[in-house]
């Protein structure tokens, strides 16, 4: 049906935009029996890319395997894409994500590079000439270099505006077999290199949910490697499974080596570092991310390194990143950075020939549960800052001192002093509430309590008292940071202050809040629904476990650690449950219902995956409706009469 509908868009000439329909999962190049003309049954992805590259207009590459999930196993690298094109895997069926947390996308086209022996092979490569291309609805797995590569080959304005929306990169989304252990990962997920600009990986528009990518890299690789500028990484799942609550391979979540990039609204897990920013990288913004924290707001998905690592990697042009903004003062701009084996944020200079760091700031974040200091600023080239009680680097902003704190059920009072600051200068002071102090006695910042702006005296000092809201239930200690506010948007932030206990009558702790929820799925269709979205953690406490009381449909399971309801139901019906969530303060519950409705029958696994002639086309099972079914009935009736006469 798709082929018949789209053939009308094809023309005999490629002088105008065309749609090329991939109908074969083979790997033959264009030529001979392999072509992508209207009605072709031999059009491979390789041939379709070759056809699109021969056309100067913006083409579309669609897929028609009858809706059957299909893997295109290539034996050598595919041609680079050098003309504008939209590659749309959803044309073979499947559905984009609609879930607010995790992803329930169904993707039926997978491009696999396990058989490619060529070194440094990437799955899909967008090169100069491919401006404004779109990749959506495909899975790209097991390439030995990068799943999706975007490069302008160092040509200024050579490649702008590539969009990567709604894909599985380094995973097939199943969470089973090799996918469960990260063996489907590419060495890197997405790489943006060599002056490619305005790349969009995910989005923040009305289609943000549908455009969410699920990206997994190898245990030593990088989920998104962005070594150029003015690109955006928004609202993706990086280094996780499809629920967003369990880590999956991926050495570093996001690496940045360029200017003016935005990383916003992502869930980022990794085995090593969450976000690594190095060398000539100015003006990057990290906002509204969960770094080391699952989509449910509590599950740990962090690795052994640091949540945000800002550094010089050696001595490249004697440069150090500048003006990194981690969080912000606007609604939703703060990040949650937690559960890392190292620091939550680490700013480190390690070479005496490298320029001093400047303009790095963090505001409005929640930083907690890390193995080392929540914020660490150090200069190992001069052996400064390794101990928070010792002098910090000469270029670092000093934290405030807390003289005392008292609290009631209605408010909190904090006495502070800021010393050794710039004279007659503006500072923003932020206060954080914690359930306990870091073992070092400094930090962290579990819950943002409030902020104020002050101006120092000519001596470079200022002191006062802050009136703040009541402490969150279960929180008993406060910390502070100071951020220098300069001209033209300049900001520079300190480490956390020493942690101080709040004296007085404080609000009691409470169990989590659980709201009612529901979901619907067709029988024999995959289900992946995170129930953690109905749970709100309180007091900053992690959710210890989820319980779903009631009989599950056949073929469906429930993960008590992540709250993920998943599987393929085999029986229709209405299923009622009680969802429970437990933290250290107790258990709360609410009703949850799952509606499993009748749907199409499952695909016969015995169907042959390819044509006998080796063309590789997947055949859909034909069905009869209306007049076709009536005709079949007449034929069967005639056959029965003939048999009776033969007796």
Foldseek 3Di string as FASTA:
>chain_A
DLLVVQLVQADPDLAEAHEFEAFFLEADADDDLEARHRPRNQDHPLNVLVSQQVHQYEYEYEYAQPLAQDEREYQEARDARQAAYEYEQCNSPWAFADDPFFGPTQARYEYEHQNYPDPQGEHYEYEFRHAQHEYERYEYWDAAHEDYEYEDQQDAVRYENYEYFRYEFQANLPCDDCRVASNRAYQEYYEYDRNYAAYEQADDDPCRRRRAYAFEHALCHERYEYQEDHYEHAQYQFQAHRRQQEGYRHAEHYEYNYEHYEYANYRFAHAAEDYEYEFAYEHYEYFLYAQQHGSLRFRGRYHAYEHYEFEYPPQDVLEGYEQYEAFDDDPSGAYEFEQYQEEPYEYEYEDPSHDDYFQYDYPDYAFDHYNYANYFYAYNNVGAGPQVVGHHPPPAAAFKAWPAKAFDAWWIKIKIKGAPAAAFFKKKKWKAWALDADPSQFDDHHGTWDIDMDTHHRRRMDIDMDITGAHFANTFKMWMKMWTADPPRGIHIHGIYGIHGYDDHHHHWDWKDFEEEEEEEEAQDKDKDARSVRIGGGPSFHWAWKDKAWDDAPQWDADGRGRIIIGGGHDFDKTKTWMWIGTPRGIDIDIYIYGYHHDDDHDDPPQDQADPVPSRRNDHDDDDDDPRVVVVVVVVVVVVVVVVVVD
